[in-house]
């Protein structure tokens, strides 16, 4: 079993229902799947900035996301 560490990171503040502490810029976890799910369910403040999952040992970005859109214009 892979016991590598993964860092969920953003240059902006991250918030989300699965983050252990709201308002952080990075979180360390020891499971790639968990890190990916937590990152996918999180957003940044301001909204729409990038969130990455990085393999700590190598610095490789294994997952990244940004918002698909920043809002809907309804007229």
PDB file of N, CA and C in Angstrom:
ATOM      1  N   UNK A   1       0.844  -1.187   0.000  1.00  0.00           N
ATOM      2  CA  UNK A   1       0.000   0.000   0.000  1.00  0.00           C
ATOM      3  C   UNK A   1       0.884   1.243   0.000  1.00  0.00           C
ATOM      4  N   UNK A   2       0.484   2.206  -0.789  1.00  0.00           N
ATOM      5  CA  UNK A   2       1.230   3.454  -0.915  1.00  0.00           C
ATOM      6  C   UNK A   2       0.965   4.349   0.295  1.00  0.00           C
ATOM      7  N   UNK A   3       2.001   4.685   1.048  1.00  0.00           N
ATOM      8  CA  UNK A   3       1.853   5.549   2.228  1.00  0.00           C
ATOM      9  C   UNK A   3       2.477   6.913   1.985  1.00  0.00           C
ATOM     10  N   UNK A   4       2.432   7.369   0.763  1.00  0.00           N
ATOM     11  CA  UNK A   4       2.980   8.679   0.429  1.00  0.00           C
ATOM     12  C   UNK A   4       2.098   9.779   0.988  1.00  0.00           C
ATOM     13  N   UNK A   5       2.681  10.944   1.144  1.00  0.00           N
ATOM     14  CA  UNK A   5       1.931  12.109   1.599  1.00  0.00           C
ATOM     15  C   UNK A   5       1.542  12.962   0.400  1.00  0.00           C
ATOM     16  N   UNK A   6       0.342  13.502   0.470  1.00  0.00           N
ATOM     17  CA  UNK A   6      -0.177  14.379  -0.575  1.00  0.00           C
ATOM     18  C   UNK A   6      -0.603  15.684   0.064  1.00  0.00           C
ATOM     19  N   UNK A   7      -0.278  16.782  -0.605  1.00  0.00           N
ATOM     20  CA  UNK A   7      -0.638  18.107  -0.110  1.00  0.00           C
ATOM     21  C   UNK A   7      -1.719  18.681  -1.016  1.00  0.00           C
ATOM     22  N   UNK A   8      -2.844  19.054  -0.424  1.00  0.00           N
ATOM     23  CA  UNK A   8      -3.884  19.791  -1.137  1.00  0.00           C
ATOM     24  C   UNK A   8      -3.528  21.251  -0.936  1.00  0.00           C
ATOM     25  N   UNK A   9      -3.346  21.987  -2.038  1.00  0.00           N
ATOM     26  CA  UNK A   9      -2.846  23.355  -1.897  1.00  0.00           C
ATOM     27  C   UNK A   9      -3.510  24.310  -2.869  1.00  0.00           C
ATOM     28  N   UNK A  10      -3.479  25.571  -2.494  1.00  0.00           N
ATOM     29  CA  UNK A  10      -3.943  26.655  -3.346  1.00  0.00           C
ATOM     30  C   UNK A  10      -3.237  27.927  -2.902  1.00  0.00           C
ATOM     31  N   UNK A  11      -3.067  28.843  -3.827  1.00  0.00           N
ATOM     32  CA  UNK A  11      -2.484  30.128  -3.452  1.00  0.00           C
ATOM     33  C   UNK A  11      -3.521  31.010  -2.761  1.00  0.00           C
ATOM     34  N   UNK A  12      -4.784  30.592  -2.833  1.00  0.00           N
ATOM     35  CA  UNK A  12      -5.876  31.318  -2.177  1.00  0.00           C
ATOM     36  C   UNK A  12      -6.466  30.457  -1.066  1.00  0.00           C
ATOM     37  N   UNK A  13      -7.316  31.035  -0.262  1.00  0.00           N
ATOM     38  CA  UNK A  13      -7.949  30.318   0.840  1.00  0.00           C
ATOM     39  C   UNK A  13      -8.899  29.263   0.285  1.00  0.00           C
ATOM     40  N   UNK A  14      -8.842  28.043   0.849  1.00  0.00           N
ATOM     41  CA  UNK A  14      -9.735  26.961   0.448  1.00  0.00           C
ATOM     42  C   UNK A  14     -10.804  26.752   1.512  1.00  0.00           C
ATOM     43  N   UNK A  15     -12.011  26.482   1.062  1.00  0.00           N
ATOM     44  CA  UNK A  15     -13.109  26.118   1.952  1.00  0.00           C
ATOM     45  C   UNK A  15     -13.846  24.947   1.324  1.00  0.00           C
ATOM     46  N   UNK A  16     -14.436  24.111   2.166  1.00  0.00           N
ATOM     47  CA  UNK A  16     -15.188  22.979   1.659  1.00  0.00           C
ATOM     48  C   UNK A  16     -15.688  22.108   2.794  1.00  0.00           C
ATOM     49  N   UNK A  17     -16.688  21.276   2.510  1.00  0.00           N
ATOM     50  CA  UNK A  17     -17.296  20.454   3.554  1.00  0.00           C
ATOM     51  C   UNK A  17     -16.382  19.357   4.096  1.00  0.00           C
ATOM     52  N   UNK A  18     -15.348  18.978   3.360  1.00  0.00           N
ATOM     53  CA  UNK A  18     -14.468  17.892   3.790  1.00  0.00           C
ATOM     54  C   UNK A  18     -13.124  18.365   4.326  1.00  0.00           C
ATOM     55  N   UNK A  19     -12.873  19.666   4.275  1.00  0.00           N
ATOM     56  CA  UNK A  19     -11.611  20.197   4.798  1.00  0.00           C
ATOM     57  C   UNK A  19     -11.644  20.214   6.320  1.00  0.00           C
ATOM     58  N   UNK A  20     -10.555  19.804   6.961  1.00  0.00           N
ATOM     59  CA  UNK A  20     -10.537  19.787   8.426  1.00  0.00           C
ATOM     60  C   UNK A  20     -10.552  21.176   9.055  1.00  0.00           C
ATOM     61  N   UNK A  21     -10.024  22.169   8.347  1.00  0.00           N
ATOM     62  CA  UNK A  21     -10.004  23.534   8.877  1.00  0.00           C
ATOM     63  C   UNK A  21     -10.286  24.505   7.737  1.00  0.00           C
ATOM     64  N   UNK A  22     -11.354  25.254   7.867  1.00  0.00           N
ATOM     65  CA  UNK A  22     -11.695  26.232   6.830  1.00  0.00           C
ATOM     66  C   UNK A  22     -10.688  27.374   6.857  1.00  0.00           C
ATOM     67  N   UNK A  23     -10.394  27.891   5.689  1.00  0.00           N
ATOM     68  CA  UNK A  23      -9.523  29.048   5.609  1.00  0.00           C
ATOM     69  C   UNK A  23      -8.046  28.729   5.509  1.00  0.00           C
ATOM     70  N   UNK A  24      -7.698  27.510   5.127  1.00  0.00           N
ATOM     71  CA  UNK A  24      -6.281  27.172   5.006  1.00  0.00           C
ATOM     72  C   UNK A  24      -5.822  27.240   3.554  1.00  0.00           C
ATOM     73  N   UNK A  25      -4.515  27.306   3.367  1.00  0.00           N
ATOM     74  CA  UNK A  25      -3.918  27.314   2.034  1.00  0.00           C
ATOM     75  C   UNK A  25      -3.382  25.941   1.648  1.00  0.00           C
ATOM     76  N   UNK A  26      -3.207  25.044   2.625  1.00  0.00           N
ATOM     77  CA  UNK A  26      -2.751  23.690   2.325  1.00  0.00           C
ATOM     78  C   UNK A  26      -3.168  22.731   3.435  1.00  0.00           C
ATOM     79  N   UNK A  27      -3.349  21.464   3.030  1.00  0.00           N
ATOM     80  CA  UNK A  27      -3.716  20.394   3.954  1.00  0.00           C
ATOM     81  C   UNK A  27      -2.900  19.168   3.559  1.00  0.00           C
ATOM     82  N   UNK A  28      -2.363  18.450   4.519  1.00  0.00           N
ATOM     83  CA  UNK A  28      -1.572  17.257   4.257  1.00  0.00           C
ATOM     84  C   UNK A  28      -2.406  16.018   4.564  1.00  0.00           C
ATOM     85  N   UNK A  29      -2.473  15.071   3.610  1.00  0.00           N
ATOM     86  CA  UNK A  29      -3.174  13.797   3.814  1.00  0.00           C
ATOM     87  C   UNK A  29      -2.269  12.662   3.331  1.00  0.00           C
ATOM     88  N   UNK A  30      -2.596  11.441   3.735  1.00  0.00           N
ATOM     89  CA  UNK A  30      -1.747  10.295   3.409  1.00  0.00           C
ATOM     90  C   UNK A  30      -2.426   9.306   2.475  1.00  0.00           C
ATOM     91  N   UNK A  31      -3.415   9.772   1.720  1.00  0.00           N
ATOM     92  CA  UNK A  31      -4.109   8.904   0.777  1.00  0.00           C
ATOM     93  C   UNK A  31      -4.447   9.713  -0.473  1.00  0.00           C
ATOM     94  N   UNK A  32      -4.016   9.220  -1.626  1.00  0.00           N
ATOM     95  CA  UNK A  32      -4.220   9.962  -2.878  1.00  0.00           C
ATOM     96  C   UNK A  32      -5.705  10.116  -3.217  1.00  0.00           C
ATOM     97  N   UNK A  33      -6.474   9.060  -3.031  1.00  0.00           N
ATOM     98  CA  UNK A  33      -7.902   9.123  -3.326  1.00  0.00           C
ATOM     99  C   UNK A  33      -8.618  10.132  -2.447  1.00  0.00           C
ATOM    100  N   UNK A  34      -8.307  10.106  -1.159  1.00  0.00           N
ATOM    101  CA  UNK A  34      -8.916  11.056  -0.229  1.00  0.00           C
ATOM    102  C   UNK A  34      -8.527  12.484  -0.583  1.00  0.00           C
ATOM    103  N   UNK A  35      -7.266  12.688  -0.904  1.00  0.00           N
ATOM    104  CA  UNK A  35      -6.803  14.029  -1.272  1.00  0.00           C
ATOM    105  C   UNK A  35      -7.537  14.540  -2.506  1.00  0.00           C
ATOM    106  N   UNK A  36      -7.738  13.671  -3.482  1.00  0.00           N
ATOM    107  CA  UNK A  36      -8.426  14.060  -4.713  1.00  0.00           C
ATOM    108  C   UNK A  36      -9.882  14.411  -4.452  1.00  0.00           C
ATOM    109  N   UNK A  37     -10.567  13.604  -3.648  1.00  0.00           N
ATOM    110  CA  UNK A  37     -11.976  13.874  -3.335  1.00  0.00           C
ATOM    111  C   UNK A  37     -12.121  15.175  -2.555  1.00  0.00           C
ATOM    112  N   UNK A  38     -11.269  15.379  -1.559  1.00  0.00           N
ATOM    113  CA  UNK A  38     -11.337  16.613  -0.764  1.00  0.00           C
ATOM    114  C   UNK A  38     -11.091  17.829  -1.649  1.00  0.00           C
ATOM    115  N   UNK A  39     -10.105  17.749  -2.530  1.00  0.00           N
ATOM    116  CA  UNK A  39      -9.823  18.866  -3.439  1.00  0.00           C
ATOM    117  C   UNK A  39     -10.991  19.111  -4.386  1.00  0.00           C
ATOM    118  N   UNK A  40     -11.578  18.043  -4.907  1.00  0.00           N
ATOM    119  CA  UNK A  40     -12.689  18.179  -5.852  1.00  0.00           C
ATOM    120  C   UNK A  40     -13.912  18.823  -5.211  1.00  0.00           C
ATOM    121  N   UNK A  41     -14.114  18.595  -3.930  1.00  0.00           N
ATOM    122  CA  UNK A  41     -15.279  19.141  -3.225  1.00  0.00           C
ATOM    123  C   UNK A  41     -15.017  20.509  -2.606  1.00  0.00           C
ATOM    124  N   UNK A  42     -13.829  21.037  -2.786  1.00  0.00           N
ATOM    125  CA  UNK A  42     -13.464  22.319  -2.182  1.00  0.00           C
ATOM    126  C   UNK A  42     -13.479  23.438  -3.218  1.00  0.00           C
ATOM    127  N   UNK A  43     -13.587  24.662  -2.740  1.00  0.00           N
ATOM    128  CA  UNK A  43     -13.522  25.853  -3.591  1.00  0.00           C
ATOM    129  C   UNK A  43     -12.579  26.859  -2.935  1.00  0.00           C
ATOM    130  N   UNK A  44     -12.239  27.876  -3.685  1.00  0.00           N
ATOM    131  CA  UNK A  44     -11.350  28.907  -3.158  1.00  0.00           C
ATOM    132  C   UNK A  44     -12.110  30.206  -2.928  1.00  0.00           C
ATOM    133  N   UNK A  45     -11.521  31.041  -2.098  1.00  0.00           N
ATOM    134  CA  UNK A  45     -11.995  32.408  -1.916  1.00  0.00           C
ATOM    135  C   UNK A  45     -10.843  33.308  -2.324  1.00  0.00           C
ATOM    136  N   UNK A  46     -10.959  34.080  -3.397  1.00  0.00           N
ATOM    137  CA  UNK A  46     -12.127  34.256  -4.256  1.00  0.00           C
ATOM    138  C   UNK A  46     -12.399  32.998  -5.085  1.00  0.00           C
ATOM    139  N   UNK A  47     -13.652  32.840  -5.465  1.00  0.00           N
ATOM    140  CA  UNK A  47     -14.126  31.654  -6.167  1.00  0.00           C
ATOM    141  C   UNK A  47     -13.444  31.476  -7.516  1.00  0.00           C
ATOM    142  N   UNK A  48     -13.169  30.225  -7.872  1.00  0.00           N
ATOM    143  CA  UNK A  48     -12.689  29.912  -9.208  1.00  0.00           C
ATOM    144  C   UNK A  48     -11.196  29.759  -9.383  1.00  0.00           C
ATOM    145  N   UNK A  49     -10.430  29.907  -8.328  1.00  0.00           N
ATOM    146  CA  UNK A  49      -8.975  29.758  -8.439  1.00  0.00           C
ATOM    147  C   UNK A  49      -8.588  28.275  -8.396  1.00  0.00           C
ATOM    148  N   UNK A  50      -7.339  27.983  -8.711  1.00  0.00           N
ATOM    149  CA  UNK A  50      -6.882  26.597  -8.813  1.00  0.00           C
ATOM    150  C   UNK A  50      -6.619  25.956  -7.453  1.00  0.00           C
ATOM    151  N   UNK A  51      -7.004  24.676  -7.353  1.00  0.00           N
ATOM    152  CA  UNK A  51      -6.666  23.819  -6.218  1.00  0.00           C
ATOM    153  C   UNK A  51      -5.900  22.630  -6.791  1.00  0.00           C
ATOM    154  N   UNK A  52      -4.778  22.270  -6.154  1.00  0.00           N
ATOM    155  CA  UNK A  52      -3.928  21.186  -6.641  1.00  0.00           C
ATOM    156  C   UNK A  52      -3.720  20.131  -5.562  1.00  0.00           C
ATOM    157  N   UNK A  53      -3.513  18.879  -6.005  1.00  0.00           N
ATOM    158  CA  UNK A  53      -3.044  17.808  -5.129  1.00  0.00           C
ATOM    159  C   UNK A  53      -1.633  17.473  -5.592  1.00  0.00           C
ATOM    160  N   UNK A  54      -0.680  17.580  -4.674  1.00  0.00           N
ATOM    161  CA  UNK A  54       0.736  17.413  -5.003  1.00  0.00           C
ATOM    162  C   UNK A  54       1.313  16.246  -4.208  1.00  0.00           C
ATOM    163  N   UNK A  55       2.028  15.354  -4.892  1.00  0.00           N
ATOM    164  CA  UNK A  55       2.778  14.295  -4.223  1.00  0.00           C
ATOM    165  C   UNK A  55       3.986  14.951  -3.563  1.00  0.00           C
ATOM    166  N   UNK A  56       4.032  14.920  -2.245  1.00  0.00           N
ATOM    167  CA  UNK A  56       5.046  15.668  -1.502  1.00  0.00           C
ATOM    168  C   UNK A  56       6.460  15.208  -1.852  1.00  0.00           C
ATOM    169  N   UNK A  57       6.675  13.920  -2.001  1.00  0.00           N
ATOM    170  CA  UNK A  57       8.022  13.387  -2.232  1.00  0.00           C
ATOM    171  C   UNK A  57       8.659  13.903  -3.520  1.00  0.00           C
ATOM    172  N   UNK A  58       7.842  14.113  -4.565  1.00  0.00           N
ATOM    173  CA  UNK A  58       8.399  14.495  -5.868  1.00  0.00           C
ATOM    174  C   UNK A  58       7.989  15.885  -6.332  1.00  0.00           C
ATOM    175  N   UNK A  59       6.937  16.434  -5.749  1.00  0.00           N
ATOM    176  CA  UNK A  59       6.419  17.720  -6.205  1.00  0.00           C
ATOM    177  C   UNK A  59       5.507  17.601  -7.413  1.00  0.00           C
ATOM    178  N   UNK A  60       5.216  16.366  -7.838  1.00  0.00           N
ATOM    179  CA  UNK A  60       4.352  16.135  -8.996  1.00  0.00           C
ATOM    180  C   UNK A  60       2.908  16.498  -8.666  1.00  0.00           C
ATOM    181  N   UNK A  61       2.280  17.270  -9.542  1.00  0.00           N
ATOM    182  CA  UNK A  61       0.863  17.591  -9.397  1.00  0.00           C
ATOM    183  C   UNK A  61       0.077  16.411  -9.955  1.00  0.00           C
ATOM    184  N   UNK A  62      -0.699  15.742  -9.099  1.00  0.00           N
ATOM    185  CA  UNK A  62      -1.446  14.559  -9.523  1.00  0.00           C
ATOM    186  C   UNK A  62      -2.912  14.866  -9.802  1.00  0.00           C
ATOM    187  N   UNK A  63      -3.389  16.039  -9.376  1.00  0.00           N
ATOM    188  CA  UNK A  63      -4.763  16.464  -9.640  1.00  0.00           C
ATOM    189  C   UNK A  63      -4.799  17.975  -9.538  1.00  0.00           C
ATOM    190  N   UNK A  64      -5.572  18.596 -10.422  1.00  0.00           N
ATOM    191  CA  UNK A  64      -5.782  20.045 -10.313  1.00  0.00           C
ATOM    192  C   UNK A  64      -7.179  20.359 -10.802  1.00  0.00           C
ATOM    193  N   UNK A  65      -7.757  21.400 -10.215  1.00  0.00           N
ATOM    194  CA  UNK A  65      -9.087  21.817 -10.648  1.00  0.00           C
ATOM    195  C   UNK A  65      -9.248  23.315 -10.491  1.00  0.00           C
ATOM    196  N   UNK A  66     -10.079  23.863 -11.348  1.00  0.00           N
ATOM    197  CA  UNK A  66     -10.566  25.233 -11.229  1.00  0.00           C
ATOM    198  C   UNK A  66     -12.069  25.159 -11.420  1.00  0.00           C
ATOM    199  N   UNK A  67     -12.756  26.214 -11.123  1.00  0.00           N
ATOM    200  CA  UNK A  67     -14.204  26.228 -11.318  1.00  0.00           C
ATOM    201  C   UNK A  67     -14.512  26.182 -12.806  1.00  0.00           C
ATOM    202  N   UNK A  68     -15.561  25.468 -13.153  1.00  0.00           N
ATOM    203  CA  UNK A  68     -15.965  25.377 -14.555  1.00  0.00           C
ATOM    204  C   UNK A  68     -16.482  26.714 -15.061  1.00  0.00           C
ATOM    205  N   UNK A  69     -17.095  27.477 -14.176  1.00  0.00           N
ATOM    206  CA  UNK A  69     -17.587  28.804 -14.526  1.00  0.00           C
ATOM    207  C   UNK A  69     -17.645  29.633 -13.259  1.00  0.00           C
ATOM    208  N   UNK A  70     -17.696  30.937 -13.413  1.00  0.00           N
ATOM    209  CA  UNK A  70     -17.710  31.816 -12.240  1.00  0.00           C
ATOM    210  C   UNK A  70     -19.084  32.377 -11.934  1.00  0.00           C
ATOM    211  N   UNK A  71     -20.044  32.094 -12.756  1.00  0.00           N
ATOM    212  CA  UNK A  71     -21.394  32.572 -12.502  1.00  0.00           C
ATOM    213  C   UNK A  71     -22.258  32.424 -13.730  1.00  0.00           C
ATOM    214  N   UNK A  72     -23.542  32.597 -13.533  1.00  0.00           N
ATOM    215  CA  UNK A  72     -24.489  32.492 -14.634  1.00  0.00           C
ATOM    216  C   UNK A  72     -25.164  33.842 -14.801  1.00  0.00           C
ATOM    217  N   UNK A  73     -25.145  34.355 -16.009  1.00  0.00           N
ATOM    218  CA  UNK A  73     -25.836  35.610 -16.298  1.00  0.00           C
ATOM    219  C   UNK A  73     -27.251  35.303 -16.758  1.00  0.00           C
ATOM    220  N   UNK A  74     -28.214  35.677 -15.963  1.00  0.00           N
ATOM    221  CA  UNK A  74     -29.618  35.465 -16.301  1.00  0.00           C
ATOM    222  C   UNK A  74     -30.236  36.818 -16.583  1.00  0.00           C
ATOM    223  N   UNK A  75     -30.782  36.973 -17.772  1.00  0.00           N
ATOM    224  CA  UNK A  75     -31.385  38.263 -18.124  1.00  0.00           C
ATOM    225  C   UNK A  75     -32.862  38.131 -18.314  1.00  0.00           C
TER     226      UNK A  75
END
